[in-house]
Amino acid sequence: VTSPECECVGGPAFGGYFIPGYLDVRVSGVQDANGAPFIGITSPNGTDVKVAPLREQSTGLEAATVAFNGFPANGSWVIKLLDASGNLSTQTATRIRIQFGLIS
């Protein structure tokens, strides 16, 4: 899906620290990390991926995937905290960070 018209998910981030195509989501300050057993990630083209996150202490979640390798990076990414049934979890968080490498 790589094209000269856009930058795409795929290059290693942080000078090669991550593998190519790796997309990482970190959520900090989650009210109840156990109440969000999944993180939903939606790309700008509407592709949805549901990932089981790792818990970081009692209020942090981190999820990673290579499912978006080659996808256009420009546009709106949607990050959702999901309950065990895959429905939107009623949570608050203080910060959500998404990071990935780019190829063009």
PDB file of N, CA and C in Angstrom:
ATOM      1  N   VAL A   1       0.832  -1.190   0.000  1.00  0.00           N
ATOM      2  CA  VAL A   1       0.000   0.000   0.000  1.00  0.00           C
ATOM      3  C   VAL A   1       0.874   1.251   0.000  1.00  0.00           C
ATOM      4  N   THR A   2       2.156   1.095   0.006  1.00  0.00           N
ATOM      5  CA  THR A   2       3.056   2.244   0.006  1.00  0.00           C
ATOM      6  C   THR A   2       2.883   3.046  -1.277  1.00  0.00           C
ATOM      7  N   SER A   3       2.809   4.355  -1.138  1.00  0.00           N
ATOM      8  CA  SER A   3       2.672   5.191  -2.322  1.00  0.00           C
ATOM      9  C   SER A   3       3.479   6.464  -2.144  1.00  0.00           C
ATOM     10  N   PRO A   4       3.876   7.101  -3.252  1.00  0.00           N
ATOM     11  CA  PRO A   4       4.641   8.341  -3.143  1.00  0.00           C
ATOM     12  C   PRO A   4       3.793   9.516  -2.669  1.00  0.00           C
ATOM     13  N   GLU A   5       2.463   9.359  -2.626  1.00  0.00           N
ATOM     14  CA  GLU A   5       1.590  10.460  -2.219  1.00  0.00           C
ATOM     15  C   GLU A   5       1.476  10.617  -0.713  1.00  0.00           C
ATOM     16  N   CYS A   6       1.924   9.605   0.059  1.00  0.00           N
ATOM     17  CA  CYS A   6       1.753   9.717   1.506  1.00  0.00           C
ATOM     18  C   CYS A   6       2.892   9.034   2.237  1.00  0.00           C
ATOM     19  N   GLU A   7       3.017   9.361   3.505  1.00  0.00           N
ATOM     20  CA  GLU A   7       3.907   8.608   4.374  1.00  0.00           C
ATOM     21  C   GLU A   7       3.080   7.484   4.972  1.00  0.00           C
ATOM     22  N   CYS A   8       3.692   6.316   5.126  1.00  0.00           N
ATOM     23  CA  CYS A   8       2.958   5.149   5.582  1.00  0.00           C
ATOM     24  C   CYS A   8       3.621   4.532   6.804  1.00  0.00           C
ATOM     25  N   VAL A   9       2.834   3.829   7.602  1.00  0.00           N
ATOM     26  CA  VAL A   9       3.340   3.091   8.749  1.00  0.00           C
ATOM     27  C   VAL A   9       4.289   2.027   8.215  1.00  0.00           C
ATOM     28  N   GLY A  10       5.456   1.900   8.810  1.00  0.00           N
ATOM     29  CA  GLY A  10       6.325   0.843   8.347  1.00  0.00           C
ATOM     30  C   GLY A  10       7.783   0.960   8.696  1.00  0.00           C
ATOM     31  N   GLY A  11       8.304   2.171   8.797  1.00  0.00           N
ATOM     32  CA  GLY A  11       9.718   2.309   9.120  1.00  0.00           C
ATOM     33  C   GLY A  11       9.950   2.099  10.602  1.00  0.00           C
ATOM     34  N   PRO A  12      11.157   1.745  10.972  1.00  0.00           N
ATOM     35  CA  PRO A  12      11.437   1.609  12.402  1.00  0.00           C
ATOM     36  C   PRO A  12      11.401   2.967  13.101  1.00  0.00           C
ATOM     37  N   ALA A  13      10.847   2.994  14.282  1.00  0.00           N
ATOM     38  CA  ALA A  13      10.801   4.224  15.076  1.00  0.00           C
ATOM     39  C   ALA A  13      12.045   4.295  15.965  1.00  0.00           C
ATOM     40  N   PHE A  14      12.381   5.473  16.408  1.00  0.00           N
ATOM     41  CA  PHE A  14      13.486   5.699  17.335  1.00  0.00           C
ATOM     42  C   PHE A  14      14.795   5.125  16.830  1.00  0.00           C
ATOM     43  N   GLY A  15      15.130   5.412  15.579  1.00  0.00           N
ATOM     44  CA  GLY A  15      16.417   4.989  15.045  1.00  0.00           C
ATOM     45  C   GLY A  15      16.610   3.483  15.000  1.00  0.00           C
ATOM     46  N   GLY A  16      15.535   2.748  14.750  1.00  0.00           N
ATOM     47  CA  GLY A  16      15.646   1.308  14.613  1.00  0.00           C
ATOM     48  C   GLY A  16      15.278   0.531  15.856  1.00  0.00           C
ATOM     49  N   TYR A  17      14.833   1.216  16.891  1.00  0.00           N
ATOM     50  CA  TYR A  17      14.476   0.534  18.136  1.00  0.00           C
ATOM     51  C   TYR A  17      13.309  -0.432  17.937  1.00  0.00           C
ATOM     52  N   PHE A  18      12.309  -0.008  17.184  1.00  0.00           N
ATOM     53  CA  PHE A  18      11.175  -0.867  16.895  1.00  0.00           C
ATOM     54  C   PHE A  18      11.359  -1.559  15.553  1.00  0.00           C
ATOM     55  N   ILE A  19      10.744  -2.715  15.393  1.00  0.00           N
ATOM     56  CA  ILE A  19      10.807  -3.405  14.105  1.00  0.00           C
ATOM     57  C   ILE A  19       9.951  -2.650  13.090  1.00  0.00           C
ATOM     58  N   PRO A  20      10.264  -2.731  11.815  1.00  0.00           N
ATOM     59  CA  PRO A  20       9.461  -2.044  10.801  1.00  0.00           C
ATOM     60  C   PRO A  20       7.992  -2.473  10.861  1.00  0.00           C
ATOM     61  N   GLY A  21       7.109  -1.497  10.773  1.00  0.00           N
ATOM     62  CA  GLY A  21       5.676  -1.765  10.789  1.00  0.00           C
ATOM     63  C   GLY A  21       5.064  -1.831  12.170  1.00  0.00           C
ATOM     64  N   TYR A  22       5.869  -1.637  13.197  1.00  0.00           N
ATOM     65  CA  TYR A  22       5.419  -1.732  14.583  1.00  0.00           C
ATOM     66  C   TYR A  22       4.668  -0.467  14.975  1.00  0.00           C
ATOM     67  N   LEU A  23       3.464  -0.621  15.506  1.00  0.00           N
ATOM     68  CA  LEU A  23       2.654   0.502  15.981  1.00  0.00           C
ATOM     69  C   LEU A  23       2.383   0.264  17.457  1.00  0.00           C
ATOM     70  N   ASP A  24       2.638   1.245  18.275  1.00  0.00           N
ATOM     71  CA  ASP A  24       2.556   1.129  19.729  1.00  0.00           C
ATOM     72  C   ASP A  24       1.569   2.146  20.277  1.00  0.00           C
ATOM     73  N   VAL A  25       0.682   1.699  21.175  1.00  0.00           N
ATOM     74  CA  VAL A  25      -0.273   2.583  21.848  1.00  0.00           C
ATOM     75  C   VAL A  25      -0.057   2.449  23.348  1.00  0.00           C
ATOM     76  N   ARG A  26       0.118   3.582  24.018  1.00  0.00           N
ATOM     77  CA  ARG A  26       0.258   3.589  25.480  1.00  0.00           C
ATOM     78  C   ARG A  26      -0.810   4.499  26.071  1.00  0.00           C
ATOM     79  N   VAL A  27      -1.478   3.981  27.088  1.00  0.00           N
ATOM     80  CA  VAL A  27      -2.527   4.731  27.773  1.00  0.00           C
ATOM     81  C   VAL A  27      -2.114   4.856  29.232  1.00  0.00           C
ATOM     82  N   SER A  28      -2.044   6.082  29.719  1.00  0.00           N
ATOM     83  CA  SER A  28      -1.637   6.344  31.101  1.00  0.00           C
ATOM     84  C   SER A  28      -2.806   6.890  31.906  1.00  0.00           C
ATOM     85  N   GLY A  29      -2.758   6.647  33.212  1.00  0.00           N
ATOM     86  CA  GLY A  29      -3.763   7.200  34.113  1.00  0.00           C
ATOM     87  C   GLY A  29      -5.145   6.608  33.932  1.00  0.00           C
ATOM     88  N   VAL A  30      -5.201   5.332  33.560  1.00  0.00           N
ATOM     89  CA  VAL A  30      -6.491   4.672  33.366  1.00  0.00           C
ATOM     90  C   VAL A  30      -7.156   4.482  34.726  1.00  0.00           C
ATOM     91  N   GLN A  31      -8.419   4.813  34.788  1.00  0.00           N
ATOM     92  CA  GLN A  31      -9.174   4.713  36.034  1.00  0.00           C
ATOM     93  C   GLN A  31      -9.175   3.272  36.563  1.00  0.00           C
ATOM     94  N   ASP A  32      -9.449   2.288  35.709  1.00  0.00           N
ATOM     95  CA  ASP A  32      -9.493   0.884  36.091  1.00  0.00           C
ATOM     96  C   ASP A  32      -8.913   0.053  34.951  1.00  0.00           C
ATOM     97  N   ALA A  33      -7.619  -0.226  35.001  1.00  0.00           N
ATOM     98  CA  ALA A  33      -6.954  -0.952  33.913  1.00  0.00           C
ATOM     99  C   ALA A  33      -7.545  -2.340  33.704  1.00  0.00           C
ATOM    100  N   ASN A  34      -8.041  -2.974  34.757  1.00  0.00           N
ATOM    101  CA  ASN A  34      -8.656  -4.296  34.616  1.00  0.00           C
ATOM    102  C   ASN A  34      -9.994  -4.229  33.889  1.00  0.00           C
ATOM    103  N   GLY A  35     -10.608  -3.059  33.848  1.00  0.00           N
ATOM    104  CA  GLY A  35     -11.886  -2.886  33.162  1.00  0.00           C
ATOM    105  C   GLY A  35     -11.747  -2.632  31.675  1.00  0.00           C
ATOM    106  N   ALA A  36     -10.516  -2.654  31.176  1.00  0.00           N
ATOM    107  CA  ALA A  36     -10.265  -2.445  29.742  1.00  0.00           C
ATOM    108  C   ALA A  36      -9.314  -3.534  29.248  1.00  0.00           C
ATOM    109  N   PRO A  37      -9.815  -4.766  29.066  1.00  0.00           N
ATOM    110  CA  PRO A  37      -8.945  -5.856  28.646  1.00  0.00           C
ATOM    111  C   PRO A  37      -8.525  -5.806  27.174  1.00  0.00           C
ATOM    112  N   PHE A  38      -9.080  -4.850  26.410  1.00  0.00           N
ATOM    113  CA  PHE A  38      -8.691  -4.694  25.012  1.00  0.00           C
ATOM    114  C   PHE A  38      -8.543  -3.218  24.663  1.00  0.00           C
ATOM    115  N   ILE A  39      -7.650  -2.946  23.710  1.00  0.00           N
ATOM    116  CA  ILE A  39      -7.536  -1.616  23.116  1.00  0.00           C
ATOM    117  C   ILE A  39      -7.907  -1.771  21.653  1.00  0.00           C
ATOM    118  N   GLY A  40      -8.845  -0.953  21.197  1.00  0.00           N
ATOM    119  CA  GLY A  40      -9.232  -0.944  19.795  1.00  0.00           C
ATOM    120  C   GLY A  40      -8.490   0.169  19.074  1.00  0.00           C
ATOM    121  N   ILE A  41      -7.913  -0.151  17.925  1.00  0.00           N
ATOM    122  CA  ILE A  41      -7.173   0.819  17.116  1.00  0.00           C
ATOM    123  C   ILE A  41      -7.828   0.854  15.743  1.00  0.00           C
ATOM    124  N   THR A  42      -8.234   2.041  15.303  1.00  0.00           N
ATOM    125  CA  THR A  42      -8.832   2.198  13.975  1.00  0.00           C
ATOM    126  C   THR A  42      -7.949   3.129  13.160  1.00  0.00           C
ATOM    127  N   SER A  43      -7.552   2.662  11.974  1.00  0.00           N
ATOM    128  CA  SER A  43      -6.688   3.446  11.093  1.00  0.00           C
ATOM    129  C   SER A  43      -7.508   4.494  10.349  1.00  0.00           C
ATOM    130  N   PRO A  44      -6.846   5.460   9.712  1.00  0.00           N
ATOM    131  CA  PRO A  44      -7.568   6.472   8.941  1.00  0.00           C
ATOM    132  C   PRO A  44      -8.444   5.895   7.823  1.00  0.00           C
ATOM    133  N   ASN A  45      -8.120   4.693   7.323  1.00  0.00           N
ATOM    134  CA  ASN A  45      -8.960   4.111   6.267  1.00  0.00           C
ATOM    135  C   ASN A  45     -10.083   3.230   6.821  1.00  0.00           C
ATOM    136  N   GLY A  46     -10.230   3.179   8.156  1.00  0.00           N
ATOM    137  CA  GLY A  46     -11.338   2.467   8.775  1.00  0.00           C
ATOM    138  C   GLY A  46     -11.056   1.043   9.200  1.00  0.00           C
ATOM    139  N   THR A  47      -9.840   0.559   9.032  1.00  0.00           N
ATOM    140  CA  THR A  47      -9.496  -0.793   9.465  1.00  0.00           C
ATOM    141  C   THR A  47      -9.402  -0.835  10.986  1.00  0.00           C
ATOM    142  N   ASP A  48     -10.100  -1.804  11.597  1.00  0.00           N
ATOM    143  CA  ASP A  48     -10.109  -1.960  13.052  1.00  0.00           C
ATOM    144  C   ASP A  48      -9.270  -3.156  13.466  1.00  0.00           C
ATOM    145  N   VAL A  49      -8.517  -2.994  14.546  1.00  0.00           N
ATOM    146  CA  VAL A  49      -7.776  -4.087  15.155  1.00  0.00           C
ATOM    147  C   VAL A  49      -8.016  -4.010  16.653  1.00  0.00           C
ATOM    148  N   LYS A  50      -8.273  -5.159  17.263  1.00  0.00           N
ATOM    149  CA  LYS A  50      -8.461  -5.241  18.711  1.00  0.00           C
ATOM    150  C   LYS A  50      -7.257  -5.980  19.284  1.00  0.00           C
ATOM    151  N   VAL A  51      -6.559  -5.353  20.253  1.00  0.00           N
ATOM    152  CA  VAL A  51      -5.328  -5.898  20.817  1.00  0.00           C
ATOM    153  C   VAL A  51      -5.462  -5.989  22.333  1.00  0.00           C
ATOM    154  N   ALA A  52      -5.020  -7.115  22.903  1.00  0.00           N
ATOM    155  CA  ALA A  52      -4.977  -7.259  24.360  1.00  0.00           C
ATOM    156  C   ALA A  52      -3.723  -6.541  24.864  1.00  0.00           C
ATOM    157  N   PRO A  53      -3.882  -5.546  25.721  1.00  0.00           N
ATOM    158  CA  PRO A  53      -2.718  -4.776  26.174  1.00  0.00           C
ATOM    159  C   PRO A  53      -1.983  -5.437  27.337  1.00  0.00           C
ATOM    160  N   LEU A  54      -0.749  -5.026  27.512  1.00  0.00           N
ATOM    161  CA  LEU A  54       0.005  -5.338  28.714  1.00  0.00           C
ATOM    162  C   LEU A  54      -0.344  -4.282  29.747  1.00  0.00           C
ATOM    163  N   ARG A  55      -0.401  -4.663  30.985  1.00  0.00           N
ATOM    164  CA  ARG A  55      -0.661  -3.693  32.044  1.00  0.00           C
ATOM    165  C   ARG A  55       0.659  -3.171  32.582  1.00  0.00           C
ATOM    166  N   GLU A  56       0.743  -1.844  32.713  1.00  0.00           N
ATOM    167  CA  GLU A  56       1.911  -1.184  33.273  1.00  0.00           C
ATOM    168  C   GLU A  56       1.499  -0.588  34.600  1.00  0.00           C
ATOM    169  N   GLN A  57       1.929  -1.200  35.679  1.00  0.00           N
ATOM    170  CA  GLN A  57       1.523  -0.810  37.027  1.00  0.00           C
ATOM    171  C   GLN A  57      -0.003  -0.930  37.117  1.00  0.00           C
ATOM    172  N   SER A  58      -0.658  -0.124  37.910  1.00  0.00           N
ATOM    173  CA  SER A  58      -2.106  -0.284  38.078  1.00  0.00           C
ATOM    174  C   SER A  58      -2.927   0.640  37.189  1.00  0.00           C
ATOM    175  N   THR A  59      -2.288   1.622  36.560  1.00  0.00           N
ATOM    176  CA  THR A  59      -3.064   2.600  35.778  1.00  0.00           C
ATOM    177  C   THR A  59      -2.579   2.770  34.342  1.00  0.00           C
ATOM    178  N   GLY A  60      -1.751   1.864  33.865  1.00  0.00           N
ATOM    179  CA  GLY A  60      -1.225   2.006  32.510  1.00  0.00           C
ATOM    180  C   GLY A  60      -1.490   0.783  31.654  1.00  0.00           C
ATOM    181  N   LEU A  61      -1.679   1.012  30.367  1.00  0.00           N
ATOM    182  CA  LEU A  61      -1.885  -0.052  29.390  1.00  0.00           C
ATOM    183  C   LEU A  61      -0.997   0.207  28.183  1.00  0.00           C
ATOM    184  N   GLU A  62      -0.474  -0.866  27.590  1.00  0.00           N
ATOM    185  CA  GLU A  62       0.309  -0.729  26.365  1.00  0.00           C
ATOM    186  C   GLU A  62      -0.049  -1.863  25.420  1.00  0.00           C
ATOM    187  N   ALA A  63      -0.291  -1.517  24.168  1.00  0.00           N
ATOM    188  CA  ALA A  63      -0.601  -2.511  23.139  1.00  0.00           C
ATOM    189  C   ALA A  63       0.217  -2.208  21.899  1.00  0.00           C
ATOM    190  N   ALA A  64       0.606  -3.264  21.183  1.00  0.00           N
ATOM    191  CA  ALA A  64       1.393  -3.093  19.968  1.00  0.00           C
ATOM    192  C   ALA A  64       0.938  -4.095  18.913  1.00  0.00           C
ATOM    193  N   THR A  65       1.116  -3.711  17.654  1.00  0.00           N
ATOM    194  CA  THR A  65       0.737  -4.574  16.541  1.00  0.00           C
ATOM    195  C   THR A  65       1.542  -4.201  15.303  1.00  0.00           C
ATOM    196  N   VAL A  66       1.665  -5.134  14.387  1.00  0.00           N
ATOM    197  CA  VAL A  66       2.236  -4.842  13.073  1.00  0.00           C
ATOM    198  C   VAL A  66       1.141  -4.915  12.007  1.00  0.00           C
ATOM    199  N   ALA A  67      -0.114  -4.964  12.429  1.00  0.00           N
ATOM    200  CA  ALA A  67      -1.248  -5.117  11.512  1.00  0.00           C
ATOM    201  C   ALA A  67      -1.408  -3.943  10.542  1.00  0.00           C
ATOM    202  N   PHE A  68      -0.852  -2.779  10.883  1.00  0.00           N
ATOM    203  CA  PHE A  68      -1.018  -1.594  10.034  1.00  0.00           C
ATOM    204  C   PHE A  68       0.209  -1.316   9.164  1.00  0.00           C
ATOM    205  N   ASN A  69       1.118  -2.253   9.050  1.00  0.00           N
ATOM    206  CA  ASN A  69       2.317  -2.067   8.242  1.00  0.00           C
ATOM    207  C   ASN A  69       1.925  -1.737   6.800  1.00  0.00           C
ATOM    208  N   GLY A  70       2.418  -0.592   6.292  1.00  0.00           N
ATOM    209  CA  GLY A  70       2.119  -0.159   4.932  1.00  0.00           C
ATOM    210  C   GLY A  70       0.876   0.697   4.798  1.00  0.00           C
ATOM    211  N   PHE A  71       0.115   0.872   5.866  1.00  0.00           N
ATOM    212  CA  PHE A  71      -1.097   1.697   5.820  1.00  0.00           C
ATOM    213  C   PHE A  71      -0.734   3.175   5.818  1.00  0.00           C
ATOM    214  N   PRO A  72      -1.499   4.030   5.140  1.00  0.00           N
ATOM    215  CA  PRO A  72      -1.258   5.468   5.209  1.00  0.00           C
ATOM    216  C   PRO A  72      -1.313   5.952   6.663  1.00  0.00           C
ATOM    217  N   ALA A  73      -0.341   6.756   7.043  1.00  0.00           N
ATOM    218  CA  ALA A  73      -0.264   7.236   8.421  1.00  0.00           C
ATOM    219  C   ALA A  73      -1.032   8.532   8.632  1.00  0.00           C
ATOM    220  N   ASN A  74      -1.237   9.301   7.560  1.00  0.00           N
ATOM    221  CA  ASN A  74      -1.897  10.602   7.683  1.00  0.00           C
ATOM    222  C   ASN A  74      -3.399  10.429   7.856  1.00  0.00           C
ATOM    223  N   GLY A  75      -3.963  11.201   8.775  1.00  0.00           N
ATOM    224  CA  GLY A  75      -5.397  11.147   9.011  1.00  0.00           C
ATOM    225  C   GLY A  75      -5.697  10.898  10.474  1.00  0.00           C
ATOM    226  N   SER A  76      -6.929  10.591  10.754  1.00  0.00           N
ATOM    227  CA  SER A  76      -7.388  10.414  12.138  1.00  0.00           C
ATOM    228  C   SER A  76      -7.302   8.949  12.556  1.00  0.00           C
ATOM    229  N   TRP A  77      -6.527   8.698  13.578  1.00  0.00           N
ATOM    230  CA  TRP A  77      -6.456   7.391  14.211  1.00  0.00           C
ATOM    231  C   TRP A  77      -7.382   7.425  15.419  1.00  0.00           C
ATOM    232  N   VAL A  78      -8.133   6.365  15.652  1.00  0.00           N
ATOM    233  CA  VAL A  78      -9.057   6.304  16.784  1.00  0.00           C
ATOM    234  C   VAL A  78      -8.585   5.200  17.726  1.00  0.00           C
ATOM    235  N   ILE A  79      -8.409   5.555  18.985  1.00  0.00           N
ATOM    236  CA  ILE A  79      -7.996   4.617  20.026  1.00  0.00           C
ATOM    237  C   ILE A  79      -9.150   4.496  21.011  1.00  0.00           C
ATOM    238  N   LYS A  80      -9.577   3.242  21.302  1.00  0.00           N
ATOM    239  CA  LYS A  80     -10.687   3.008  22.224  1.00  0.00           C
ATOM    240  C   LYS A  80     -10.274   1.988  23.271  1.00  0.00           C
ATOM    241  N   LEU A  81     -10.707   2.212  24.499  1.00  0.00           N
ATOM    242  CA  LEU A  81     -10.573   1.209  25.540  1.00  0.00           C
ATOM    243  C   LEU A  81     -11.839   0.364  25.498  1.00  0.00           C
ATOM    244  N   LEU A  82     -11.674  -0.961  25.417  1.00  0.00           N
ATOM    245  CA  LEU A  82     -12.808  -1.855  25.243  1.00  0.00           C
ATOM    246  C   LEU A  82     -12.943  -2.807  26.429  1.00  0.00           C
ATOM    247  N   ASP A  83     -14.191  -3.206  26.720  1.00  0.00           N
ATOM    248  CA  ASP A  83     -14.421  -4.185  27.782  1.00  0.00           C
ATOM    249  C   ASP A  83     -14.242  -5.599  27.231  1.00  0.00           C
ATOM    250  N   ALA A  84     -14.497  -6.612  28.060  1.00  0.00           N
ATOM    251  CA  ALA A  84     -14.267  -8.003  27.664  1.00  0.00           C
ATOM    252  C   ALA A  84     -15.140  -8.438  26.492  1.00  0.00           C
ATOM    253  N   SER A  85     -16.279  -7.783  26.277  1.00  0.00           N
ATOM    254  CA  SER A  85     -17.169  -8.114  25.161  1.00  0.00           C
ATOM    255  C   SER A  85     -16.816  -7.351  23.889  1.00  0.00           C
ATOM    256  N   GLY A  86     -15.816  -6.461  23.959  1.00  0.00           N
ATOM    257  CA  GLY A  86     -15.428  -5.662  22.803  1.00  0.00           C
ATOM    258  C   GLY A  86     -16.212  -4.372  22.675  1.00  0.00           C
ATOM    259  N   ASN A  87     -17.020  -4.052  23.698  1.00  0.00           N
ATOM    260  CA  ASN A  87     -17.777  -2.797  23.711  1.00  0.00           C
ATOM    261  C   ASN A  87     -16.939  -1.694  24.340  1.00  0.00           C
ATOM    262  N   LEU A  88     -17.292  -0.463  24.045  1.00  0.00           N
ATOM    263  CA  LEU A  88     -16.589   0.686  24.594  1.00  0.00           C
ATOM    264  C   LEU A  88     -16.647   0.641  26.116  1.00  0.00           C
ATOM    265  N   SER A  89     -15.497   0.746  26.755  1.00  0.00           N
ATOM    266  CA  SER A  89     -15.403   0.734  28.208  1.00  0.00           C
ATOM    267  C   SER A  89     -15.531   2.158  28.722  1.00  0.00           C
ATOM    268  N   THR A  90     -16.269   2.318  29.799  1.00  0.00           N
ATOM    269  CA  THR A  90     -16.413   3.648  30.404  1.00  0.00           C
ATOM    270  C   THR A  90     -15.220   3.866  31.318  1.00  0.00           C
ATOM    271  N   GLN A  91     -14.252   4.622  30.828  1.00  0.00           N
ATOM    272  CA  GLN A  91     -12.993   4.852  31.528  1.00  0.00           C
ATOM    273  C   GLN A  91     -12.565   6.301  31.355  1.00  0.00           C
ATOM    274  N   THR A  92     -11.687   6.717  32.199  1.00  0.00           N
ATOM    275  CA  THR A  92     -10.982   7.976  31.976  1.00  0.00           C
ATOM    276  C   THR A  92      -9.491   7.657  31.926  1.00  0.00           C
ATOM    277  N   ALA A  93      -8.759   8.450  31.192  1.00  0.00           N
ATOM    278  CA  ALA A  93      -7.311   8.306  31.100  1.00  0.00           C
ATOM    279  C   ALA A  93      -6.715   9.703  31.027  1.00  0.00           C
ATOM    280  N   THR A  94      -5.499   9.840  31.493  1.00  0.00           N
ATOM    281  CA  THR A  94      -4.872  11.158  31.477  1.00  0.00           C
ATOM    282  C   THR A  94      -4.094  11.404  30.192  1.00  0.00           C
ATOM    283  N   ARG A  95      -3.646  10.305  29.526  1.00  0.00           N
ATOM    284  CA  ARG A  95      -2.844  10.493  28.315  1.00  0.00           C
ATOM    285  C   ARG A  95      -2.886   9.237  27.453  1.00  0.00           C
ATOM    286  N   ILE A  96      -3.006   9.433  26.156  1.00  0.00           N
ATOM    287  CA  ILE A  96      -2.910   8.341  25.191  1.00  0.00           C
ATOM    288  C   ILE A  96      -1.859   8.735  24.163  1.00  0.00           C
ATOM    289  N   ARG A  97      -0.919   7.823  23.910  1.00  0.00           N
ATOM    290  CA  ARG A  97       0.152   8.105  22.958  1.00  0.00           C
ATOM    291  C   ARG A  97       0.198   6.979  21.925  1.00  0.00           C
ATOM    292  N   ILE A  98       0.279   7.347  20.667  1.00  0.00           N
ATOM    293  CA  ILE A  98       0.443   6.387  19.592  1.00  0.00           C
ATOM    294  C   ILE A  98       1.754   6.726  18.883  1.00  0.00           C
ATOM    295  N   GLN A  99       2.558   5.714  18.587  1.00  0.00           N
ATOM    296  CA  GLN A  99       3.816   5.977  17.886  1.00  0.00           C
ATOM    297  C   GLN A  99       4.109   4.845  16.912  1.00  0.00           C
ATOM    298  N   PHE A 100       4.738   5.223  15.810  1.00  0.00           N
ATOM    299  CA  PHE A 100       5.118   4.262  14.771  1.00  0.00           C
ATOM    300  C   PHE A 100       6.161   4.892  13.887  1.00  0.00           C
ATOM    301  N   GLY A 101       6.896   4.065  13.163  1.00  0.00           N
ATOM    302  CA  GLY A 101       7.852   4.544  12.182  1.00  0.00           C
ATOM    303  C   GLY A 101       7.169   4.826  10.868  1.00  0.00           C
ATOM    304  N   LEU A 102       7.810   5.617  10.010  1.00  0.00           N
ATOM    305  CA  LEU A 102       7.227   5.969   8.721  1.00  0.00           C
ATOM    306  C   LEU A 102       8.117   5.513   7.572  1.00  0.00           C
ATOM    307  N   ILE A 103       7.472   5.136   6.471  1.00  0.00           N
ATOM    308  CA  ILE A 103       8.147   4.940   5.200  1.00  0.00           C
ATOM    309  C   ILE A 103       7.460   5.823   4.191  1.00  0.00           C
ATOM    310  N   SER A 104       8.127   6.210   3.146  1.00  0.00           N
ATOM    311  CA  SER A 104       7.473   7.050   2.145  1.00  0.00           C
ATOM    312  C   SER A 104       7.738   6.517   0.761  1.00  0.00           C
TER     313      SER A 104
END
